[in-house]
Amino acid sequence: MSFFIRHRFGGQDRDPAVEVFPALLDELAYGDPEHPEVALVDDTGLALSVFASELVVLQNVETNVPGARHLRCADRDHVLRLLIALANQRYAELEAEAWTPGYG
């Protein structure tokens, strides 16, 4: 399975090492309301979007099943674990989170 990351200002990288994920989150430190998020998307369409506002959204951008879910997460290490779980297809770890329906 493959994935790509989407940088805050639109660039993408396919299958980077998980060691780049902290730098990806660092991009959120720069205030820009037009580009509020970074994301990781796998080949199934499952996407984890991380916003500068500490909002994290999980959704399948291909099927929208089961629909968008969100959580508020100020803990950077927690967000990194979520990104790594998706990159490594550990879907059960993602599903175990306390997601709330919708975009928050």
PDB file of N, CA and C in Angstrom:
ATOM      1  N   MET A   1       0.862  -1.177   0.000  1.00  0.00           N
ATOM      2  CA  MET A   1       0.000   0.000   0.000  1.00  0.00           C
ATOM      3  C   MET A   1       0.898   1.226   0.000  1.00  0.00           C
ATOM      4  N   SER A   2       0.436   2.236  -0.643  1.00  0.00           N
ATOM      5  CA  SER A   2       1.185   3.460  -0.820  1.00  0.00           C
ATOM      6  C   SER A   2       0.372   4.624  -0.259  1.00  0.00           C
ATOM      7  N   PHE A   3       1.036   5.743  -0.055  1.00  0.00           N
ATOM      8  CA  PHE A   3       0.363   6.937   0.432  1.00  0.00           C
ATOM      9  C   PHE A   3       1.117   8.160  -0.059  1.00  0.00           C
ATOM     10  N   PHE A   4       0.486   9.304   0.080  1.00  0.00           N
ATOM     11  CA  PHE A   4       1.200  10.546  -0.185  1.00  0.00           C
ATOM     12  C   PHE A   4       0.861  11.539   0.914  1.00  0.00           C
ATOM     13  N   ILE A   5       1.775  12.482   1.104  1.00  0.00           N
ATOM     14  CA  ILE A   5       1.496  13.579   2.019  1.00  0.00           C
ATOM     15  C   ILE A   5       1.276  14.830   1.190  1.00  0.00           C
ATOM     16  N   ARG A   6       0.360  15.655   1.679  1.00  0.00           N
ATOM     17  CA  ARG A   6       0.084  16.936   1.026  1.00  0.00           C
ATOM     18  C   ARG A   6       0.559  18.027   1.963  1.00  0.00           C
ATOM     19  N   HIS A   7       1.480  18.828   1.479  1.00  0.00           N
ATOM     20  CA  HIS A   7       2.038  19.925   2.263  1.00  0.00           C
ATOM     21  C   HIS A   7       1.056  21.087   2.345  1.00  0.00           C
ATOM     22  N   ARG A   8       1.310  21.961   3.252  1.00  0.00           N
ATOM     23  CA  ARG A   8       0.405  23.074   3.515  1.00  0.00           C
ATOM     24  C   ARG A   8       0.185  23.959   2.289  1.00  0.00           C
ATOM     25  N   PHE A   9       1.205  24.135   1.490  1.00  0.00           N
ATOM     26  CA  PHE A   9       1.087  25.044   0.352  1.00  0.00           C
ATOM     27  C   PHE A   9       0.935  24.301  -0.977  1.00  0.00           C
ATOM     28  N   GLY A  10       0.489  23.019  -0.898  1.00  0.00           N
ATOM     29  CA  GLY A  10       0.085  22.310  -2.095  1.00  0.00           C
ATOM     30  C   GLY A  10       1.021  21.257  -2.637  1.00  0.00           C
ATOM     31  N   GLY A  11       2.266  21.239  -2.240  1.00  0.00           N
ATOM     32  CA  GLY A  11       3.163  20.211  -2.740  1.00  0.00           C
ATOM     33  C   GLY A  11       2.790  18.846  -2.190  1.00  0.00           C
ATOM     34  N   GLN A  12       3.225  17.801  -2.896  1.00  0.00           N
ATOM     35  CA  GLN A  12       2.960  16.435  -2.459  1.00  0.00           C
ATOM     36  C   GLN A  12       4.224  15.600  -2.567  1.00  0.00           C
ATOM     37  N   ASP A  13       4.325  14.616  -1.672  1.00  0.00           N
ATOM     38  CA  ASP A  13       5.412  13.647  -1.724  1.00  0.00           C
ATOM     39  C   ASP A  13       4.799  12.259  -1.572  1.00  0.00           C
ATOM     40  N   ARG A  14       5.202  11.338  -2.440  1.00  0.00           N
ATOM     41  CA  ARG A  14       4.692   9.969  -2.379  1.00  0.00           C
ATOM     42  C   ARG A  14       5.648   9.103  -1.561  1.00  0.00           C
ATOM     43  N   ASP A  15       5.065   8.376  -0.618  1.00  0.00           N
ATOM     44  CA  ASP A  15       5.766   7.392   0.207  1.00  0.00           C
ATOM     45  C   ASP A  15       7.036   7.910   0.884  1.00  0.00           C
ATOM     46  N   PRO A  16       6.973   9.075   1.519  1.00  0.00           N
ATOM     47  CA  PRO A  16       8.167   9.529   2.236  1.00  0.00           C
ATOM     48  C   PRO A  16       8.362   8.696   3.503  1.00  0.00           C
ATOM     49  N   ALA A  17       9.544   8.751   4.041  1.00  0.00           N
ATOM     50  CA  ALA A  17       9.826   8.090   5.321  1.00  0.00           C
ATOM     51  C   ALA A  17       9.035   8.797   6.418  1.00  0.00           C
ATOM     52  N   VAL A  18       8.587   8.044   7.411  1.00  0.00           N
ATOM     53  CA  VAL A  18       7.801   8.644   8.493  1.00  0.00           C
ATOM     54  C   VAL A  18       8.610   9.684   9.264  1.00  0.00           C
ATOM     55  N   GLU A  19       9.900   9.683   9.106  1.00  0.00           N
ATOM     56  CA  GLU A  19      10.742  10.675   9.775  1.00  0.00           C
ATOM     57  C   GLU A  19      10.484  12.093   9.291  1.00  0.00           C
ATOM     58  N   VAL A  20       9.814  12.257   8.142  1.00  0.00           N
ATOM     59  CA  VAL A  20       9.490  13.601   7.651  1.00  0.00           C
ATOM     60  C   VAL A  20       8.197  14.138   8.265  1.00  0.00           C
ATOM     61  N   PHE A  21       7.439  13.298   8.964  1.00  0.00           N
ATOM     62  CA  PHE A  21       6.159  13.737   9.509  1.00  0.00           C
ATOM     63  C   PHE A  21       6.283  14.895  10.504  1.00  0.00           C
ATOM     64  N   PRO A  22       7.297  14.921  11.378  1.00  0.00           N
ATOM     65  CA  PRO A  22       7.418  16.100  12.252  1.00  0.00           C
ATOM     66  C   PRO A  22       7.587  17.399  11.462  1.00  0.00           C
ATOM     67  N   ALA A  23       8.363  17.369  10.393  1.00  0.00           N
ATOM     68  CA  ALA A  23       8.536  18.570   9.568  1.00  0.00           C
ATOM     69  C   ALA A  23       7.224  18.945   8.883  1.00  0.00           C
ATOM     70  N   LEU A  24       6.438  17.946   8.503  1.00  0.00           N
ATOM     71  CA  LEU A  24       5.128  18.215   7.918  1.00  0.00           C
ATOM     72  C   LEU A  24       4.261  18.976   8.917  1.00  0.00           C
ATOM     73  N   LEU A  25       4.246  18.536  10.169  1.00  0.00           N
ATOM     74  CA  LEU A  25       3.464  19.234  11.196  1.00  0.00           C
ATOM     75  C   LEU A  25       4.037  20.615  11.491  1.00  0.00           C
ATOM     76  N   ASP A  26       5.349  20.781  11.358  1.00  0.00           N
ATOM     77  CA  ASP A  26       5.966  22.096  11.570  1.00  0.00           C
ATOM     78  C   ASP A  26       5.412  23.133  10.599  1.00  0.00           C
ATOM     79  N   GLU A  27       4.972  22.697   9.429  1.00  0.00           N
ATOM     80  CA  GLU A  27       4.409  23.622   8.446  1.00  0.00           C
ATOM     81  C   GLU A  27       3.185  24.349   8.991  1.00  0.00           C
ATOM     82  N   LEU A  28       2.517  23.764   9.970  1.00  0.00           N
ATOM     83  CA  LEU A  28       1.308  24.371  10.537  1.00  0.00           C
ATOM     84  C   LEU A  28       1.613  25.552  11.444  1.00  0.00           C
ATOM     85  N   ALA A  29       2.868  25.755  11.791  1.00  0.00           N
ATOM     86  CA  ALA A  29       3.246  26.850  12.685  1.00  0.00           C
ATOM     87  C   ALA A  29       3.149  28.212  12.009  1.00  0.00           C
ATOM     88  N   TYR A  30       3.157  28.227  10.698  1.00  0.00           N
ATOM     89  CA  TYR A  30       3.126  29.481   9.961  1.00  0.00           C
ATOM     90  C   TYR A  30       1.685  29.859   9.666  1.00  0.00           C
ATOM     91  N   GLY A  31       1.251  30.992  10.165  1.00  0.00           N
ATOM     92  CA  GLY A  31      -0.137  31.412   9.996  1.00  0.00           C
ATOM     93  C   GLY A  31      -0.487  31.701   8.547  1.00  0.00           C
ATOM     94  N   ASP A  32      -1.445  30.988   8.034  1.00  0.00           N
ATOM     95  CA  ASP A  32      -1.949  31.218   6.690  1.00  0.00           C
ATOM     96  C   ASP A  32      -3.366  30.663   6.611  1.00  0.00           C
ATOM     97  N   PRO A  33      -4.378  31.505   6.777  1.00  0.00           N
ATOM     98  CA  PRO A  33      -5.753  31.014   6.795  1.00  0.00           C
ATOM     99  C   PRO A  33      -6.217  30.385   5.481  1.00  0.00           C
ATOM    100  N   GLU A  34      -5.546  30.691   4.382  1.00  0.00           N
ATOM    101  CA  GLU A  34      -5.937  30.087   3.102  1.00  0.00           C
ATOM    102  C   GLU A  34      -5.444  28.652   2.959  1.00  0.00           C
ATOM    103  N   HIS A  35      -4.435  28.299   3.723  1.00  0.00           N
ATOM    104  CA  HIS A  35      -3.846  26.957   3.663  1.00  0.00           C
ATOM    105  C   HIS A  35      -3.734  26.419   5.092  1.00  0.00           C
ATOM    106  N   PRO A  36      -4.858  26.000   5.682  1.00  0.00           N
ATOM    107  CA  PRO A  36      -4.866  25.680   7.111  1.00  0.00           C
ATOM    108  C   PRO A  36      -4.470  24.259   7.483  1.00  0.00           C
ATOM    109  N   GLU A  37      -4.121  23.402   6.502  1.00  0.00           N
ATOM    110  CA  GLU A  37      -3.940  21.996   6.844  1.00  0.00           C
ATOM    111  C   GLU A  37      -2.819  21.326   6.067  1.00  0.00           C
ATOM    112  N   VAL A  38      -2.399  20.185   6.592  1.00  0.00           N
ATOM    113  CA  VAL A  38      -1.560  19.220   5.898  1.00  0.00           C
ATOM    114  C   VAL A  38      -2.333  17.903   5.942  1.00  0.00           C
ATOM    115  N   ALA A  39      -1.950  16.951   5.113  1.00  0.00           N
ATOM    116  CA  ALA A  39      -2.714  15.699   5.086  1.00  0.00           C
ATOM    117  C   ALA A  39      -1.849  14.531   4.645  1.00  0.00           C
ATOM    118  N   LEU A  40      -2.315  13.350   5.016  1.00  0.00           N
ATOM    119  CA  LEU A  40      -1.770  12.095   4.526  1.00  0.00           C
ATOM    120  C   LEU A  40      -2.951  11.326   3.942  1.00  0.00           C
ATOM    121  N   VAL A  41      -2.785  10.811   2.718  1.00  0.00           N
ATOM    122  CA  VAL A  41      -3.847  10.078   2.026  1.00  0.00           C
ATOM    123  C   VAL A  41      -3.277   8.762   1.530  1.00  0.00           C
ATOM    124  N   ASP A  42      -3.953   7.645   1.868  1.00  0.00           N
ATOM    125  CA  ASP A  42      -3.460   6.361   1.370  1.00  0.00           C
ATOM    126  C   ASP A  42      -4.176   5.979   0.083  1.00  0.00           C
ATOM    127  N   ASP A  43      -3.764   4.874  -0.514  1.00  0.00           N
ATOM    128  CA  ASP A  43      -4.306   4.468  -1.818  1.00  0.00           C
ATOM    129  C   ASP A  43      -5.771   4.062  -1.775  1.00  0.00           C
ATOM    130  N   THR A  44      -6.312   3.799  -0.591  1.00  0.00           N
ATOM    131  CA  THR A  44      -7.739   3.492  -0.493  1.00  0.00           C
ATOM    132  C   THR A  44      -8.581   4.761  -0.468  1.00  0.00           C
ATOM    133  N   GLY A  45      -7.917   5.918  -0.341  1.00  0.00           N
ATOM    134  CA  GLY A  45      -8.617   7.193  -0.237  1.00  0.00           C
ATOM    135  C   GLY A  45      -8.784   7.674   1.189  1.00  0.00           C
ATOM    136  N   LEU A  46      -8.327   6.875   2.165  1.00  0.00           N
ATOM    137  CA  LEU A  46      -8.444   7.297   3.556  1.00  0.00           C
ATOM    138  C   LEU A  46      -7.471   8.442   3.809  1.00  0.00           C
ATOM    139  N   ALA A  47      -8.001   9.538   4.309  1.00  0.00           N
ATOM    140  CA  ALA A  47      -7.205  10.750   4.499  1.00  0.00           C
ATOM    141  C   ALA A  47      -7.271  11.208   5.943  1.00  0.00           C
ATOM    142  N   LEU A  48      -6.127  11.607   6.449  1.00  0.00           N
ATOM    143  CA  LEU A  48      -6.026  12.211   7.767  1.00  0.00           C
ATOM    144  C   LEU A  48      -5.543  13.636   7.540  1.00  0.00           C
ATOM    145  N   SER A  49      -6.410  14.603   7.804  1.00  0.00           N
ATOM    146  CA  SER A  49      -6.072  16.016   7.636  1.00  0.00           C
ATOM    147  C   SER A  49      -5.827  16.621   9.003  1.00  0.00           C
ATOM    148  N   VAL A  50      -4.740  17.357   9.114  1.00  0.00           N
ATOM    149  CA  VAL A  50      -4.364  17.989  10.373  1.00  0.00           C
ATOM    150  C   VAL A  50      -4.353  19.493  10.143  1.00  0.00           C
ATOM    151  N   PHE A  51      -5.131  20.196  10.953  1.00  0.00           N
ATOM    152  CA  PHE A  51      -5.283  21.641  10.804  1.00  0.00           C
ATOM    153  C   PHE A  51      -4.473  22.381  11.862  1.00  0.00           C
ATOM    154  N   ALA A  52      -4.103  23.605  11.538  1.00  0.00           N
ATOM    155  CA  ALA A  52      -3.370  24.441  12.476  1.00  0.00           C
ATOM    156  C   ALA A  52      -4.181  24.691  13.751  1.00  0.00           C
ATOM    157  N   SER A  53      -5.486  24.578  13.670  1.00  0.00           N
ATOM    158  CA  SER A  53      -6.373  24.815  14.815  1.00  0.00           C
ATOM    159  C   SER A  53      -6.450  23.615  15.759  1.00  0.00           C
ATOM    160  N   GLU A  54      -5.614  22.605  15.539  1.00  0.00           N
ATOM    161  CA  GLU A  54      -5.570  21.374  16.351  1.00  0.00           C
ATOM    162  C   GLU A  54      -6.720  20.428  16.036  1.00  0.00           C
ATOM    163  N   LEU A  55      -7.422  20.678  14.958  1.00  0.00           N
ATOM    164  CA  LEU A  55      -8.473  19.790  14.492  1.00  0.00           C
ATOM    165  C   LEU A  55      -7.833  18.713  13.617  1.00  0.00           C
ATOM    166  N   VAL A  56      -8.264  17.465  13.809  1.00  0.00           N
ATOM    167  CA  VAL A  56      -7.818  16.348  12.982  1.00  0.00           C
ATOM    168  C   VAL A  56      -9.078  15.721  12.398  1.00  0.00           C
ATOM    169  N   VAL A  57      -9.088  15.536  11.074  1.00  0.00           N
ATOM    170  CA  VAL A  57     -10.249  14.965  10.385  1.00  0.00           C
ATOM    171  C   VAL A  57      -9.816  13.691   9.672  1.00  0.00           C
ATOM    172  N   LEU A  58     -10.610  12.645   9.859  1.00  0.00           N
ATOM    173  CA  LEU A  58     -10.397  11.372   9.177  1.00  0.00           C
ATOM    174  C   LEU A  58     -11.597  11.133   8.265  1.00  0.00           C
ATOM    175  N   GLN A  59     -11.318  10.885   6.994  1.00  0.00           N
ATOM    176  CA  GLN A  59     -12.400  10.588   6.054  1.00  0.00           C
ATOM    177  C   GLN A  59     -11.840   9.858   4.850  1.00  0.00           C
ATOM    178  N   ASN A  60     -12.709   9.141   4.181  1.00  0.00           N
ATOM    179  CA  ASN A  60     -12.322   8.528   2.922  1.00  0.00           C
ATOM    180  C   ASN A  60     -12.739   9.485   1.820  1.00  0.00           C
ATOM    181  N   VAL A  61     -11.761  10.073   1.158  1.00  0.00           N
ATOM    182  CA  VAL A  61     -12.055  11.080   0.141  1.00  0.00           C
ATOM    183  C   VAL A  61     -12.543  10.459  -1.164  1.00  0.00           C
ATOM    184  N   GLU A  62     -12.435   9.130  -1.301  1.00  0.00           N
ATOM    185  CA  GLU A  62     -12.934   8.436  -2.490  1.00  0.00           C
ATOM    186  C   GLU A  62     -14.395   8.027  -2.328  1.00  0.00           C
ATOM    187  N   THR A  63     -14.740   7.472  -1.166  1.00  0.00           N
ATOM    188  CA  THR A  63     -16.072   6.902  -0.978  1.00  0.00           C
ATOM    189  C   THR A  63     -16.936   7.674   0.014  1.00  0.00           C
ATOM    190  N   ASN A  64     -16.314   8.477   0.862  1.00  0.00           N
ATOM    191  CA  ASN A  64     -16.977   9.185   1.952  1.00  0.00           C
ATOM    192  C   ASN A  64     -17.743   8.233   2.879  1.00  0.00           C
ATOM    193  N   VAL A  65     -17.286   7.007   2.980  1.00  0.00           N
ATOM    194  CA  VAL A  65     -17.877   6.022   3.892  1.00  0.00           C
ATOM    195  C   VAL A  65     -16.845   5.714   4.963  1.00  0.00           C
ATOM    196  N   PRO A  66     -17.118   5.874   6.224  1.00  0.00           N
ATOM    197  CA  PRO A  66     -18.420   6.110   6.839  1.00  0.00           C
ATOM    198  C   PRO A  66     -18.757   7.584   6.994  1.00  0.00           C
ATOM    199  N   GLY A  67     -18.075   8.460   6.348  1.00  0.00           N
ATOM    200  CA  GLY A  67     -18.284   9.898   6.511  1.00  0.00           C
ATOM    201  C   GLY A  67     -17.140  10.503   7.307  1.00  0.00           C
ATOM    202  N   ALA A  68     -17.053  11.805   7.264  1.00  0.00           N
ATOM    203  CA  ALA A  68     -15.978  12.495   7.978  1.00  0.00           C
ATOM    204  C   ALA A  68     -16.167  12.365   9.482  1.00  0.00           C
ATOM    205  N   ARG A  69     -15.036  12.225  10.161  1.00  0.00           N
ATOM    206  CA  ARG A  69     -15.005  12.191  11.623  1.00  0.00           C
ATOM    207  C   ARG A  69     -13.864  13.082  12.075  1.00  0.00           C
ATOM    208  N   HIS A  70     -13.975  13.623  13.259  1.00  0.00           N
ATOM    209  CA  HIS A  70     -12.938  14.543  13.725  1.00  0.00           C
ATOM    210  C   HIS A  70     -12.654  14.350  15.204  1.00  0.00           C
ATOM    211  N   LEU A  71     -11.526  14.922  15.621  1.00  0.00           N
ATOM    212  CA  LEU A  71     -11.193  15.059  17.031  1.00  0.00           C
ATOM    213  C   LEU A  71     -10.306  16.274  17.191  1.00  0.00           C
ATOM    214  N   ARG A  72     -10.287  16.798  18.389  1.00  0.00           N
ATOM    215  CA  ARG A  72      -9.386  17.907  18.723  1.00  0.00           C
ATOM    216  C   ARG A  72      -8.164  17.284  19.371  1.00  0.00           C
ATOM    217  N   CYS A  73      -7.002  17.635  18.875  1.00  0.00           N
ATOM    218  CA  CYS A  73      -5.796  16.993  19.367  1.00  0.00           C
ATOM    219  C   CYS A  73      -4.663  18.011  19.441  1.00  0.00           C
ATOM    220  N   ALA A  74      -4.373  18.461  20.644  1.00  0.00           N
ATOM    221  CA  ALA A  74      -3.287  19.411  20.851  1.00  0.00           C
ATOM    222  C   ALA A  74      -1.950  18.709  21.058  1.00  0.00           C
ATOM    223  N   ASP A  75      -1.984  17.412  21.292  1.00  0.00           N
ATOM    224  CA  ASP A  75      -0.770  16.644  21.580  1.00  0.00           C
ATOM    225  C   ASP A  75      -0.090  16.235  20.272  1.00  0.00           C
ATOM    226  N   ARG A  76       1.017  16.869  19.973  1.00  0.00           N
ATOM    227  CA  ARG A  76       1.753  16.619  18.729  1.00  0.00           C
ATOM    228  C   ARG A  76       2.143  15.148  18.578  1.00  0.00           C
ATOM    229  N   ASP A  77       2.586  14.521  19.666  1.00  0.00           N
ATOM    230  CA  ASP A  77       2.974  13.118  19.598  1.00  0.00           C
ATOM    231  C   ASP A  77       1.791  12.236  19.228  1.00  0.00           C
ATOM    232  N   HIS A  78       0.620  12.584  19.719  1.00  0.00           N
ATOM    233  CA  HIS A  78      -0.593  11.845  19.382  1.00  0.00           C
ATOM    234  C   HIS A  78      -0.877  11.963  17.883  1.00  0.00           C
ATOM    235  N   VAL A  79      -0.771  13.162  17.354  1.00  0.00           N
ATOM    236  CA  VAL A  79      -1.000  13.378  15.923  1.00  0.00           C
ATOM    237  C   VAL A  79       0.028  12.594  15.103  1.00  0.00           C
ATOM    238  N   LEU A  80       1.266  12.600  15.531  1.00  0.00           N
ATOM    239  CA  LEU A  80       2.296  11.829  14.827  1.00  0.00           C
ATOM    240  C   LEU A  80       1.956  10.342  14.830  1.00  0.00           C
ATOM    241  N   ARG A  81       1.471   9.838  15.952  1.00  0.00           N
ATOM    242  CA  ARG A  81       1.080   8.420  16.017  1.00  0.00           C
ATOM    243  C   ARG A  81      -0.061   8.120  15.040  1.00  0.00           C
ATOM    244  N   LEU A  82      -1.000   9.041  14.913  1.00  0.00           N
ATOM    245  CA  LEU A  82      -2.098   8.856  13.967  1.00  0.00           C
ATOM    246  C   LEU A  82      -1.586   8.812  12.524  1.00  0.00           C
ATOM    247  N   LEU A  83      -0.705   9.730  12.186  1.00  0.00           N
ATOM    248  CA  LEU A  83      -0.131   9.749  10.835  1.00  0.00           C
ATOM    249  C   LEU A  83       0.631   8.463  10.545  1.00  0.00           C
ATOM    250  N   ILE A  84       1.427   8.020  11.494  1.00  0.00           N
ATOM    251  CA  ILE A  84       2.213   6.798  11.319  1.00  0.00           C
ATOM    252  C   ILE A  84       1.292   5.590  11.202  1.00  0.00           C
ATOM    253  N   ALA A  85       0.224   5.558  11.991  1.00  0.00           N
ATOM    254  CA  ALA A  85      -0.725   4.446  11.912  1.00  0.00           C
ATOM    255  C   ALA A  85      -1.330   4.360  10.510  1.00  0.00           C
ATOM    256  N   LEU A  86      -1.748   5.491   9.952  1.00  0.00           N
ATOM    257  CA  LEU A  86      -2.314   5.474   8.611  1.00  0.00           C
ATOM    258  C   LEU A  86      -1.267   5.090   7.574  1.00  0.00           C
ATOM    259  N   ALA A  87      -0.078   5.627   7.681  1.00  0.00           N
ATOM    260  CA  ALA A  87       0.986   5.308   6.724  1.00  0.00           C
ATOM    261  C   ALA A  87       1.307   3.816   6.722  1.00  0.00           C
ATOM    262  N   ASN A  88       1.154   3.173   7.882  1.00  0.00           N
ATOM    263  CA  ASN A  88       1.462   1.748   8.015  1.00  0.00           C
ATOM    264  C   ASN A  88       0.220   0.860   7.981  1.00  0.00           C
ATOM    265  N   GLN A  89      -0.906   1.433   7.564  1.00  0.00           N
ATOM    266  CA  GLN A  89      -2.159   0.694   7.401  1.00  0.00           C
ATOM    267  C   GLN A  89      -2.644   0.044   8.696  1.00  0.00           C
ATOM    268  N   ARG A  90      -2.374   0.674   9.795  1.00  0.00           N
ATOM    269  CA  ARG A  90      -2.849   0.161  11.076  1.00  0.00           C
ATOM    270  C   ARG A  90      -4.207   0.808  11.364  1.00  0.00           C
ATOM    271  N   TYR A  91      -5.188   0.396  10.594  1.00  0.00           N
ATOM    272  CA  TYR A  91      -6.510   0.997  10.639  1.00  0.00           C
ATOM    273  C   TYR A  91      -7.194   0.797  11.983  1.00  0.00           C
ATOM    274  N   ALA A  92      -6.948  -0.317  12.647  1.00  0.00           N
ATOM    275  CA  ALA A  92      -7.575  -0.565  13.948  1.00  0.00           C
ATOM    276  C   ALA A  92      -7.160   0.495  14.964  1.00  0.00           C
ATOM    277  N   GLU A  93      -5.922   0.961  14.893  1.00  0.00           N
ATOM    278  CA  GLU A  93      -5.468   2.034  15.792  1.00  0.00           C
ATOM    279  C   GLU A  93      -6.245   3.312  15.542  1.00  0.00           C
ATOM    280  N   LEU A  94      -6.488   3.618  14.285  1.00  0.00           N
ATOM    281  CA  LEU A  94      -7.263   4.813  13.957  1.00  0.00           C
ATOM    282  C   LEU A  94      -8.702   4.670  14.427  1.00  0.00           C
ATOM    283  N   GLU A  95      -9.285   3.524  14.203  1.00  0.00           N
ATOM    284  CA  GLU A  95     -10.676   3.307  14.590  1.00  0.00           C
ATOM    285  C   GLU A  95     -10.871   3.334  16.100  1.00  0.00           C
ATOM    286  N   ALA A  96      -9.812   3.056  16.866  1.00  0.00           N
ATOM    287  CA  ALA A  96      -9.908   3.037  18.327  1.00  0.00           C
ATOM    288  C   ALA A  96      -9.976   4.434  18.937  1.00  0.00           C
ATOM    289  N   GLU A  97      -9.758   5.455  18.138  1.00  0.00           N
ATOM    290  CA  GLU A  97      -9.792   6.830  18.643  1.00  0.00           C
ATOM    291  C   GLU A  97     -11.233   7.269  18.905  1.00  0.00           C
ATOM    292  N   ALA A  98     -11.373   8.315  19.698  1.00  0.00           N
ATOM    293  CA  ALA A  98     -12.691   8.837  20.078  1.00  0.00           C
ATOM    294  C   ALA A  98     -13.167   9.872  19.050  1.00  0.00           C
ATOM    295  N   TRP A  99     -13.400   9.416  17.828  1.00  0.00           N
ATOM    296  CA  TRP A  99     -13.836  10.302  16.756  1.00  0.00           C
ATOM    297  C   TRP A  99     -15.266  10.762  16.977  1.00  0.00           C
ATOM    298  N   THR A 100     -15.534  11.998  16.570  1.00  0.00           N
ATOM    299  CA  THR A 100     -16.872  12.576  16.600  1.00  0.00           C
ATOM    300  C   THR A 100     -17.297  12.768  15.148  1.00  0.00           C
ATOM    301  N   PRO A 101     -18.537  12.419  14.791  1.00  0.00           N
ATOM    302  CA  PRO A 101     -18.969  12.578  13.395  1.00  0.00           C
ATOM    303  C   PRO A 101     -18.883  14.046  12.926  1.00  0.00           C
ATOM    304  N   GLY A 102     -18.588  14.208  11.650  1.00  0.00           N
ATOM    305  CA  GLY A 102     -18.551  15.527  11.037  1.00  0.00           C
ATOM    306  C   GLY A 102     -17.157  16.124  10.987  1.00  0.00           C
ATOM    307  N   TYR A 103     -17.115  17.359  10.535  1.00  0.00           N
ATOM    308  CA  TYR A 103     -15.850  18.056  10.323  1.00  0.00           C
ATOM    309  C   TYR A 103     -15.407  18.909  11.505  1.00  0.00           C
ATOM    310  N   GLY A 104     -16.204  18.971  12.521  1.00  0.00           N
ATOM    311  CA  GLY A 104     -15.834  19.718  13.721  1.00  0.00           C
ATOM    312  C   GLY A 104     -16.048  21.171  13.570  1.00  0.00           C
TER     313      GLY A 104
END
